[in-house]
Amino acid sequence: MYTTKIVYKLYFVLCFFVLLTQEQLNAQIVIGTPNLGFSQACASETFNNYSTTFVFSPESALNTSNQFSIEMSDADGDFSDPITIFTSTAGSVTTSPATLNFSLPETTAGENYKIRIKSSAPAATSSNSSAFAAYYKIQDSPFTINNLVATAAYCSGGNYLLTIDNPGSGTNDSPLNYPSLTYNWYKETGPTTSVFVAEGETLTVSEEGTYFVETNYGTCTSNSFSNRVTVSEVASGEANAEIVSSLGNPFCPGSGVTTLTTLTGNSYQWFKNGTVIPDATNQMYETNESGTYAVQVDLGNCSAIGAIELVSELFEAAINVDIENTIEEDESLSIEITTTANNPQFEWYLDNVLITDVTEANYETSTFGSYKVIITETSGCIASREFEFEINEAYDPFPEVEKIPNVVSPNDDGFNDTWIIPTKYVSGTNTKVMIMTNRGKVVLQTDDYQNNWPQENLNLTNINQVFYYVITTSDNDIKKGSITVVR
């Protein structure tokens, strides 16, 4: 009896196991080949959204935890090490056909990518899709070569090296900042045609022609291409050396200095207005001044020379006062600015402090001090010019004093440097003034005193030295006394 019960239990377990296995065998799906919604994938920062549609069966076999994923091969269509580029959330895809959206990794670059669909519960994998070209255009804007110089030259039997600029001039977005990129060089064969020459970051040219380079995005079209450079062979004599200004010509000095660049050579010498610029012996020269600039380039067995008439867009401005101005205490000075600046802004300063209530081109003041006015062009070429000037109190050589002083200190401190006497004794009054040393030697005798003694170094032997004066008016009124000169 006990043996019979054991047999029944074993039979029940075996049946349960068979049913469970049968259910698991039935819980399988078949996923069809993914259908691409595109012929090639040319992704960039502004667009990177693609889709694929596939069928699967049966729908009832999906577990609620199932996730569909998209795997992408390498550039040769090999799935040995696939990349998962999309995974759905659990249970979100339950009906067939289904469409999934995905984006390309930034490292994508090739002509034979494939994708496949996988499910997780139950596990299944589709066959591979058709091959397609796919690139992520990590750099998709024009860039410069040869420092934007449109011409180049090499001596007969030599060559010229064209390079991609990094960072180049101006706002050049150099593709060399993206190490994964590769490049194709071309030579023009007509106004709209060209022929492939070579791959690489540089190109050695030994044949005349016009050359350019494009970032290699395969069959995808792209804006990542360079300017054209026309390369010439020089048999003898001098070639033309083009000069390019990085800020254009005319240039805006408010943007900083402009960089003048010429073609590549062995050595260089720059000139301004026909005069050698000392130490200007590089391929590039920076300046913020207008003028005629020239360069002589040594190419080896020949040379090249070029010139540019560089023009600054800085506006004109003028001020109607001198650097140093004097006014009397009760006078004022009117300052006027004339300028060709667009929408000019005026800032006035007194002793380096902004005068907040003065914003016009004209200003009238009676305050002594150091002034500065800054004129700024606020539209077009944003730039500034400034003028500095001083307003000082006018010097009065004959100030009114009450008494004849008996001390002077000629130390150039602006105070009591000369012997200043009342105006009734000075120039124009026909008064005789005589000054003597303590030994009676006359050092000054005049009837036209200018309040200017002592004018010369007295060679004082003591710390203080005493002199004597005699003042005789036209009506014989005599004043006598001493003057102590303090060193």
Protein backbone atom coordinates (compact mmCIF):
# COMPACT_ATOMS: atom_id res chain seq x y z
CA MET A 1 0.00 0.00 0.00
CA TYR A 2 2.79 2.43 0.90
CA THR A 3 4.65 1.58 -2.33
CA THR A 4 1.55 2.39 -4.37
CA LYS A 5 1.32 5.90 -2.86
CA ILE A 6 4.93 6.61 -3.73
CA VAL A 7 4.34 5.56 -7.34
CA TYR A 8 1.30 7.85 -7.60
CA LYS A 9 3.31 10.83 -6.26
CA LEU A 10 6.16 10.23 -8.69
CA TYR A 11 3.65 9.99 -11.52
CA PHE A 12 2.05 13.31 -10.54
CA VAL A 13 5.43 15.12 -10.38
CA LEU A 14 6.42 13.71 -13.76
CA CYS A 15 3.15 14.91 -15.34
CA PHE A 16 3.57 18.40 -13.88
CA PHE A 17 7.11 18.60 -15.22
CA VAL A 18 6.00 17.50 -18.70
CA LEU A 19 3.20 20.12 -18.74
CA LEU A 20 5.56 22.86 -17.56
CA THR A 21 8.13 21.97 -20.21
CA GLN A 22 5.47 21.91 -22.88
CA GLU A 23 4.28 25.39 -21.82
CA GLN A 24 7.83 26.73 -21.95
CA LEU A 25 8.33 25.24 -25.40
CA ASN A 26 5.16 26.89 -26.58
CA ALA A 27 6.25 30.34 -25.12
CA GLN A 28 8.49 31.27 -28.06
CA ILE A 29 8.24 34.07 -30.62
CA VAL A 30 9.63 34.69 -34.06
CA ILE A 31 10.88 38.21 -34.89
CA GLY A 32 10.91 39.29 -38.51
CA THR A 33 13.75 41.13 -40.26
CA PRO A 34 13.71 44.81 -39.26
CA ASN A 35 12.52 47.16 -41.97
CA LEU A 36 14.53 50.40 -42.12
CA GLY A 37 12.71 53.68 -42.40
CA PHE A 38 15.69 55.24 -44.22
CA SER A 39 18.26 54.48 -46.91
CA GLN A 40 21.21 56.07 -45.12
CA ALA A 41 21.60 57.62 -41.68
CA CYS A 42 23.43 60.98 -41.67
CA ALA A 43 23.12 62.15 -38.07
CA SER A 44 24.32 65.38 -36.48
CA GLU A 45 23.83 67.49 -33.39
CA THR A 46 20.65 68.94 -34.90
CA PHE A 47 19.18 65.64 -36.15
CA ASN A 48 19.61 62.13 -34.79
CA ASN A 49 16.26 60.30 -34.83
CA TYR A 50 15.61 57.14 -36.87
CA SER A 51 13.05 54.33 -36.80
CA THR A 52 12.69 50.68 -37.71
CA THR A 53 9.53 48.51 -38.04
CA PHE A 54 9.33 44.76 -37.42
CA VAL A 55 6.77 42.01 -36.88
CA PHE A 56 6.74 39.25 -34.30
CA SER A 57 4.49 36.29 -33.57
CA PRO A 58 2.67 35.19 -31.55
CA GLU A 59 1.78 38.30 -29.52
CA SER A 60 0.40 36.11 -26.73
CA ALA A 61 3.81 34.62 -26.05
CA LEU A 62 5.25 37.88 -24.72
CA ASN A 63 5.92 38.03 -21.01
CA THR A 64 4.82 41.23 -19.24
CA SER A 65 8.46 41.89 -18.38
CA ASN A 66 9.62 41.63 -22.01
CA GLN A 67 11.85 44.31 -23.47
CA PHE A 68 12.71 44.77 -27.13
CA SER A 69 16.17 46.12 -27.96
CA ILE A 70 18.01 47.21 -31.09
CA GLU A 71 21.56 46.08 -31.64
CA MET A 72 23.88 47.67 -34.21
CA SER A 73 26.83 45.97 -35.87
CA ASP A 74 30.26 47.48 -36.50
CA ALA A 75 30.97 49.43 -39.71
CA ASP A 76 31.50 46.13 -41.60
CA GLY A 77 28.17 44.56 -40.59
CA ASP A 78 29.77 42.24 -37.99
CA PHE A 79 27.77 41.47 -34.81
CA SER A 80 30.70 39.94 -32.89
CA ASP A 81 30.61 42.92 -30.52
CA PRO A 82 27.27 44.66 -31.12
CA ILE A 83 26.20 47.96 -29.60
CA THR A 84 22.75 48.24 -28.02
CA ILE A 85 21.33 51.54 -29.31
CA PHE A 86 17.80 51.22 -27.89
CA THR A 87 15.93 49.25 -25.22
CA SER A 88 12.19 49.55 -24.64
CA THR A 89 10.65 49.71 -21.18
CA ALA A 90 9.26 46.44 -19.80
CA GLY A 91 5.88 45.54 -21.32
CA SER A 92 5.61 48.68 -23.45
CA VAL A 93 5.54 46.85 -26.81
CA THR A 94 2.76 44.23 -27.01
CA THR A 95 1.33 44.32 -30.56
CA SER A 96 2.77 43.47 -33.97
CA PRO A 97 3.94 45.16 -36.16
CA ALA A 98 5.95 47.45 -33.89
CA THR A 99 8.04 50.57 -34.55
CA LEU A 100 11.04 51.58 -32.47
CA ASN A 101 12.96 54.87 -32.60
CA PHE A 102 16.70 55.13 -31.99
CA SER A 103 19.72 57.45 -32.27
CA LEU A 104 23.22 56.81 -33.61
CA PRO A 105 26.29 56.88 -31.34
CA GLU A 106 28.66 59.79 -32.02
CA THR A 107 31.38 57.32 -33.07
CA THR A 108 29.32 56.00 -36.01
CA ALA A 109 31.17 56.15 -39.34
CA GLY A 110 30.86 53.57 -42.13
CA GLU A 111 28.97 52.29 -45.17
CA ASN A 112 27.84 48.78 -44.09
CA TYR A 113 26.09 48.96 -40.74
CA LYS A 114 23.26 46.56 -39.91
CA ILE A 115 20.76 46.30 -37.05
CA ARG A 116 18.76 43.44 -35.49
CA ILE A 117 15.93 43.17 -32.96
CA LYS A 118 16.10 41.15 -29.74
CA SER A 119 13.46 40.30 -27.14
CA SER A 120 14.18 39.39 -23.52
CA ALA A 121 11.11 37.37 -22.39
CA PRO A 122 10.99 35.12 -24.24
CA ALA A 123 14.49 35.51 -25.67
CA ALA A 124 14.59 35.78 -29.44
CA THR A 125 16.69 37.49 -32.11
CA SER A 126 15.71 38.64 -35.57
CA SER A 127 17.79 38.23 -38.68
CA ASN A 128 20.00 41.13 -39.72
CA SER A 129 18.67 44.14 -41.57
CA SER A 130 19.90 45.31 -44.94
CA ALA A 131 23.23 47.15 -44.84
CA PHE A 132 23.12 50.93 -44.71
CA ALA A 133 25.55 53.86 -44.61
CA ALA A 134 25.62 55.66 -41.26
CA TYR A 135 27.68 58.62 -40.01
CA TYR A 136 27.42 60.95 -37.05
CA LYS A 137 28.66 64.32 -38.34
CA ILE A 138 30.32 65.53 -35.15
CA GLN A 139 31.75 68.51 -37.06
CA ASP A 140 29.50 69.86 -39.80
CA SER A 141 30.62 73.39 -40.65
CA PRO A 142 33.15 74.93 -43.08
CA PHE A 143 36.74 75.14 -41.87
CA THR A 144 39.99 76.64 -43.14
CA ILE A 145 43.23 75.38 -44.57
CA ASN A 146 46.45 77.30 -45.27
CA ASN A 147 45.32 79.94 -42.72
CA LEU A 148 42.66 81.01 -45.26
CA VAL A 149 45.36 82.21 -47.67
CA ALA A 150 43.92 81.42 -51.10
CA THR A 151 47.25 81.11 -52.91
CA ALA A 152 50.46 79.19 -52.40
CA ALA A 153 53.68 78.66 -54.34
CA TYR A 154 56.64 76.32 -54.47
CA CYS A 155 59.95 76.53 -56.28
CA SER A 156 60.46 74.42 -59.40
CA GLY A 157 61.26 70.86 -58.35
CA GLY A 158 59.92 71.39 -54.84
CA ASN A 159 56.52 71.04 -53.17
CA TYR A 160 54.07 72.79 -50.88
CA LEU A 161 52.41 71.40 -47.74
CA LEU A 162 48.70 72.14 -47.29
CA THR A 163 47.42 71.71 -43.74
CA ILE A 164 44.11 71.96 -41.93
CA ASP A 165 44.21 74.94 -39.57
CA ASN A 166 43.93 74.30 -35.87
CA PRO A 167 42.40 76.42 -34.54
CA GLY A 168 42.85 78.47 -37.69
CA SER A 169 41.82 82.09 -38.01
CA GLY A 170 38.70 83.89 -36.82
CA THR A 171 35.94 81.56 -35.67
CA ASN A 172 37.25 78.55 -37.58
CA ASP A 173 35.77 75.29 -36.22
CA SER A 174 38.71 73.03 -36.93
CA PRO A 175 37.79 69.36 -37.44
CA LEU A 176 41.21 68.50 -35.98
CA ASN A 177 39.55 69.06 -32.60
CA TYR A 178 37.76 65.74 -33.19
CA PRO A 179 40.41 62.97 -33.33
CA SER A 180 38.05 60.32 -34.74
CA LEU A 181 37.57 62.15 -38.07
CA THR A 182 39.33 61.36 -41.33
CA TYR A 183 39.76 63.52 -44.43
CA ASN A 184 39.73 63.36 -48.24
CA TRP A 185 41.68 65.83 -50.38
CA TYR A 186 40.54 66.85 -53.87
CA LYS A 187 41.88 68.77 -56.85
CA GLU A 188 39.52 70.80 -59.00
CA THR A 189 39.19 69.67 -62.63
CA GLY A 190 36.56 72.22 -63.63
CA PRO A 191 34.22 74.88 -62.23
CA THR A 192 32.02 72.21 -60.62
CA THR A 193 34.12 69.04 -60.82
CA SER A 194 37.04 67.61 -58.87
CA VAL A 195 39.07 64.45 -58.47
CA PHE A 196 40.10 62.60 -55.30
CA VAL A 197 43.82 63.00 -54.52
CA ALA A 198 44.63 61.53 -51.11
CA GLU A 199 43.54 60.94 -47.52
CA GLY A 200 45.03 62.51 -44.39
CA GLU A 201 45.30 65.68 -42.31
CA THR A 202 47.86 67.21 -44.71
CA LEU A 203 48.59 67.14 -48.42
CA THR A 204 51.99 67.56 -50.09
CA VAL A 205 51.44 69.29 -53.43
CA SER A 206 53.97 69.05 -56.25
CA GLU A 207 51.57 69.83 -59.09
CA GLU A 208 49.91 73.14 -59.85
CA GLY A 209 46.19 73.35 -59.27
CA THR A 210 43.40 74.30 -56.90
CA TYR A 211 42.97 72.02 -53.89
CA PHE A 212 40.52 71.56 -51.02
CA VAL A 213 39.68 68.97 -48.36
CA GLU A 214 36.46 67.49 -46.96
CA THR A 215 35.78 65.59 -43.79
CA ASN A 216 35.13 61.97 -44.72
CA TYR A 217 31.44 61.30 -44.11
CA GLY A 218 31.21 58.74 -46.90
CA THR A 219 28.06 59.01 -49.02
CA CYS A 220 26.49 61.49 -46.58
CA THR A 221 26.48 65.09 -47.72
CA SER A 222 28.11 67.54 -45.32
CA ASN A 223 29.04 71.17 -44.76
CA SER A 224 32.42 70.12 -43.35
CA PHE A 225 34.70 71.31 -46.16
CA SER A 226 37.57 73.77 -46.54
CA ASN A 227 38.34 76.84 -48.60
CA ARG A 228 40.10 76.44 -51.96
CA VAL A 229 43.86 77.07 -52.32
CA THR A 230 45.49 77.63 -55.71
CA VAL A 231 49.07 76.34 -55.73
CA SER A 232 51.54 77.57 -58.35
CA GLU A 233 55.03 76.49 -59.38
CA VAL A 234 57.68 79.24 -59.60
CA ALA A 235 60.37 78.53 -62.16
CA SER A 236 62.39 81.66 -61.39
CA GLY A 237 62.02 85.12 -59.90
CA GLU A 238 59.32 86.02 -57.42
CA ALA A 239 55.83 84.66 -56.85
CA ASN A 240 52.85 86.56 -55.49
CA ALA A 241 52.47 86.17 -51.71
CA GLU A 242 48.88 86.82 -50.74
CA ILE A 243 48.24 88.41 -47.31
CA VAL A 244 45.02 87.75 -45.41
CA SER A 245 43.69 89.76 -42.44
CA SER A 246 41.96 87.58 -39.84
CA LEU A 247 39.45 90.36 -39.03
CA GLY A 248 38.90 91.22 -42.68
CA ASN A 249 39.82 94.41 -44.48
CA PRO A 250 38.68 96.96 -43.45
CA PHE A 251 38.90 95.59 -39.91
CA CYS A 252 37.29 96.60 -36.64
CA PRO A 253 39.96 97.41 -34.00
CA GLY A 254 37.32 96.97 -31.29
CA SER A 255 37.63 93.22 -31.89
CA GLY A 256 41.30 93.31 -30.94
CA VAL A 257 44.35 92.97 -33.13
CA THR A 258 44.07 91.50 -36.60
CA THR A 259 46.47 88.77 -37.69
CA LEU A 260 48.10 89.14 -41.09
CA THR A 261 49.02 85.77 -42.60
CA THR A 262 50.88 84.82 -45.76
CA LEU A 263 51.79 81.58 -47.51
CA THR A 264 54.16 79.06 -45.94
CA GLY A 265 57.87 79.49 -46.59
CA ASN A 266 61.29 79.06 -45.04
CA SER A 267 61.62 82.57 -43.61
CA TYR A 268 59.72 85.88 -43.59
CA GLN A 269 60.23 89.63 -43.27
CA TRP A 270 57.35 92.07 -42.77
CA PHE A 271 57.30 95.75 -43.71
CA LYS A 272 55.01 98.68 -42.89
CA ASN A 273 54.81 101.62 -45.24
CA GLY A 274 58.05 100.48 -46.87
CA THR A 275 60.01 100.22 -43.60
CA VAL A 276 61.24 96.96 -42.08
CA ILE A 277 59.34 95.94 -38.94
CA PRO A 278 62.00 94.74 -36.48
CA ASP A 279 61.57 91.14 -35.28
CA ALA A 280 58.54 90.63 -37.60
CA THR A 281 59.95 87.45 -39.10
CA ASN A 282 57.12 84.91 -38.69
CA GLN A 283 54.40 83.72 -41.05
CA MET A 284 51.90 85.81 -39.07
CA TYR A 285 52.02 89.42 -37.89
CA GLU A 286 49.56 91.06 -35.48
CA THR A 287 48.57 94.72 -35.68
CA ASN A 288 45.75 97.13 -34.87
CA GLU A 289 47.00 99.96 -37.09
CA SER A 290 46.13 100.94 -40.63
CA GLY A 291 48.88 101.07 -43.25
CA THR A 292 50.47 99.36 -46.21
CA TYR A 293 51.91 96.05 -45.04
CA ALA A 294 54.20 93.90 -47.16
CA VAL A 295 55.97 90.60 -46.66
CA GLN A 296 58.88 88.88 -48.33
CA VAL A 297 58.86 85.07 -48.16
CA ASP A 298 61.87 82.87 -48.80
CA LEU A 299 60.68 79.71 -50.56
CA GLY A 300 64.13 78.16 -50.93
CA ASN A 301 65.39 78.55 -54.50
CA CYS A 302 62.87 81.32 -55.17
CA SER A 303 60.90 83.88 -53.22
CA ALA A 304 57.49 85.50 -52.97
CA ILE A 305 56.40 89.01 -52.09
CA GLY A 306 53.01 90.51 -51.38
CA ALA A 307 51.30 93.57 -49.91
CA ILE A 308 47.98 94.64 -48.40
CA GLU A 309 46.50 98.09 -47.83
CA LEU A 310 45.08 97.54 -44.35
CA VAL A 311 42.28 99.88 -43.35
CA SER A 312 40.87 100.32 -39.84
CA GLU A 313 37.15 100.94 -39.41
CA LEU A 314 37.82 103.00 -36.28
CA PHE A 315 35.72 106.17 -36.40
CA GLU A 316 37.16 109.68 -36.52
CA ALA A 317 36.95 112.00 -33.50
CA ALA A 318 38.40 115.37 -32.48
CA ILE A 319 38.41 117.60 -29.41
CA ASN A 320 38.60 121.41 -29.41
CA VAL A 321 40.93 121.88 -26.40
CA ASP A 322 44.64 121.35 -25.80
CA ILE A 323 46.17 118.74 -23.53
CA GLU A 324 46.92 121.49 -20.99
CA ASN A 325 44.49 124.39 -20.48
CA THR A 326 44.42 127.31 -18.01
CA ILE A 327 41.51 129.43 -16.89
CA GLU A 328 41.00 132.11 -14.28
CA GLU A 329 39.16 131.19 -11.10
CA ASP A 330 35.95 132.85 -12.28
CA GLU A 331 36.14 131.49 -15.86
CA SER A 332 34.90 128.26 -17.46
CA LEU A 333 36.08 126.12 -20.38
CA SER A 334 33.75 124.72 -23.07
CA ILE A 335 34.82 121.33 -24.47
CA GLU A 336 33.36 120.04 -27.74
CA ILE A 337 33.72 116.59 -29.31
CA THR A 338 33.13 115.98 -33.02
CA THR A 339 32.95 112.39 -34.25
CA THR A 340 31.82 110.16 -37.11
CA ALA A 341 30.92 107.28 -34.72
CA ASN A 342 27.59 105.51 -35.13
CA ASN A 343 25.30 106.12 -32.16
CA PRO A 344 28.18 107.46 -30.05
CA GLN A 345 28.22 107.17 -26.26
CA PHE A 346 30.17 109.72 -24.20
CA GLU A 347 31.71 109.14 -20.77
CA TRP A 348 33.40 112.05 -19.01
CA TYR A 349 35.81 111.62 -16.09
CA LEU A 350 37.33 114.09 -13.62
CA ASP A 351 40.39 112.78 -11.77
CA ASN A 352 39.38 109.23 -12.90
CA VAL A 353 35.89 109.54 -11.41
CA LEU A 354 32.93 109.21 -13.78
CA ILE A 355 30.83 112.38 -14.11
CA THR A 356 27.47 110.63 -14.11
CA ASP A 357 25.28 113.55 -15.22
CA VAL A 358 27.28 114.40 -18.36
CA THR A 359 26.58 112.16 -21.37
CA GLU A 360 26.65 114.54 -24.33
CA ALA A 361 29.37 115.55 -26.81
CA ASN A 362 29.72 119.02 -25.24
CA TYR A 363 30.70 119.89 -21.67
CA GLU A 364 31.39 123.20 -19.95
CA THR A 365 33.22 123.30 -16.65
CA SER A 366 35.06 125.66 -14.31
CA THR A 367 36.55 122.91 -12.10
CA PHE A 368 40.30 122.42 -12.15
CA GLY A 369 41.66 118.88 -12.58
CA SER A 370 42.57 116.04 -14.95
CA TYR A 371 39.85 115.10 -17.42
CA LYS A 372 39.19 112.20 -19.75
CA VAL A 373 36.41 111.61 -22.27
CA ILE A 374 35.74 108.19 -23.85
CA ILE A 375 33.76 108.04 -27.11
CA THR A 376 32.28 104.61 -27.91
CA GLU A 377 30.68 103.57 -31.18
CA THR A 378 27.73 101.41 -30.12
CA SER A 379 26.68 99.97 -33.50
CA GLY A 380 28.63 98.55 -36.41
CA CYS A 381 32.28 98.35 -35.43
CA ILE A 382 32.11 98.47 -31.63
CA ALA A 383 35.19 100.46 -30.63
CA SER A 384 36.30 103.37 -28.44
CA ARG A 385 38.60 106.38 -28.55
CA GLU A 386 39.59 108.63 -25.67
CA PHE A 387 41.04 112.08 -25.10
CA GLU A 388 42.79 113.32 -21.97
CA PHE A 389 43.32 116.95 -20.98
CA GLU A 390 43.94 119.13 -17.93
CA ILE A 391 42.37 122.34 -16.70
CA ASN A 392 44.59 124.35 -14.37
CA GLU A 393 44.25 127.71 -12.74
CA ALA A 394 45.96 130.43 -14.72
CA TYR A 395 49.21 131.58 -13.14
CA ASP A 396 49.11 135.19 -11.94
CA PRO A 397 52.66 136.57 -11.85
CA PHE A 398 51.49 139.64 -9.96
CA PRO A 399 49.12 138.51 -7.21
CA GLU A 400 48.02 141.09 -4.69
CA VAL A 401 49.94 140.77 -1.40
CA GLU A 402 49.73 143.10 1.58
CA LYS A 403 53.30 143.10 2.82
CA ILE A 404 56.81 142.73 1.48
CA PRO A 405 57.84 139.18 2.46
CA ASN A 406 61.13 138.58 4.25
CA VAL A 407 61.43 134.83 3.55
CA VAL A 408 61.56 132.79 0.30
CA SER A 409 62.14 129.06 -0.18
CA PRO A 410 63.12 128.29 -3.83
CA ASN A 411 62.53 124.52 -3.73
CA ASP A 412 60.06 124.28 -6.65
CA ASP A 413 57.16 123.17 -4.47
CA GLY A 414 54.90 125.82 -5.98
CA PHE A 415 54.71 127.78 -2.74
CA ASN A 416 56.85 130.83 -1.89
CA ASP A 417 59.41 129.87 -4.53
CA THR A 418 60.08 133.51 -5.49
CA TRP A 419 60.03 136.87 -3.76
CA ILE A 420 56.56 138.29 -4.49
CA ILE A 421 55.98 141.90 -3.47
CA PRO A 422 52.90 144.16 -3.57
CA THR A 423 51.74 145.16 -7.05
CA LYS A 424 52.54 148.85 -6.48
CA TYR A 425 56.25 147.96 -6.71
CA VAL A 426 56.28 145.56 -9.68
CA SER A 427 56.55 145.91 -13.46
CA GLY A 428 54.80 148.95 -14.86
CA THR A 429 55.14 151.16 -11.77
CA ASN A 430 58.64 152.52 -12.58
CA THR A 431 59.82 151.33 -9.16
CA LYS A 432 63.49 150.51 -8.68
CA VAL A 433 64.24 147.24 -6.92
CA MET A 434 67.75 146.31 -5.75
CA ILE A 435 68.83 143.18 -3.88
CA MET A 436 72.29 142.74 -2.33
CA THR A 437 74.19 140.07 -0.48
CA ASN A 438 75.19 140.61 3.14
CA ARG A 439 78.54 141.84 1.78
CA GLY A 440 76.94 144.49 -0.40
CA LYS A 441 77.20 142.70 -3.75
CA VAL A 442 74.26 143.59 -5.97
CA VAL A 443 72.54 140.48 -7.31
CA LEU A 444 69.46 142.22 -8.77
CA GLN A 445 68.83 145.77 -9.93
CA THR A 446 65.79 146.64 -12.11
CA ASP A 447 62.93 149.08 -12.56
CA ASP A 448 60.73 146.33 -14.12
CA TYR A 449 60.54 143.67 -11.40
CA GLN A 450 58.67 140.51 -12.46
CA ASN A 451 58.24 138.80 -9.04
CA ASN A 452 60.77 136.24 -10.23
CA TRP A 453 63.78 136.45 -7.90
CA PRO A 454 65.69 134.24 -7.41
CA GLN A 455 65.69 132.88 -10.99
CA GLU A 456 68.98 131.04 -10.73
CA ASN A 457 70.68 128.79 -8.22
CA LEU A 458 72.18 131.04 -5.54
CA ASN A 459 74.84 128.48 -4.55
CA LEU A 460 74.03 128.96 -0.91
CA THR A 461 76.87 127.98 1.43
CA ASN A 462 74.74 127.99 4.56
CA ILE A 463 71.40 126.43 5.32
CA ASN A 464 69.86 129.93 5.35
CA GLN A 465 71.32 133.06 3.79
CA VAL A 466 70.27 136.69 4.29
CA PHE A 467 69.98 139.24 1.48
CA TYR A 468 69.00 142.88 1.66
CA TYR A 469 66.66 144.89 -0.52
CA VAL A 470 66.04 148.55 -1.34
CA ILE A 471 62.79 149.55 -3.06
CA THR A 472 62.53 153.09 -4.41
CA THR A 473 59.26 154.29 -5.91
CA SER A 474 58.93 156.96 -8.60
CA ASP A 475 58.10 159.54 -5.91
CA ASN A 476 61.21 158.48 -3.88
CA ASP A 477 59.33 156.46 -1.27
CA ILE A 478 62.04 154.05 -0.04
CA LYS A 479 61.49 150.66 1.56
CA LYS A 480 64.41 148.64 3.02
CA GLY A 481 64.62 145.25 4.63
CA SER A 482 66.08 141.73 4.59
CA ILE A 483 65.20 138.52 2.75
CA THR A 484 66.10 135.19 4.27
CA VAL A 485 66.50 132.47 1.62
CA VAL A 486 65.74 129.08 3.11
CA ARG A 487 67.29 126.05 1.42
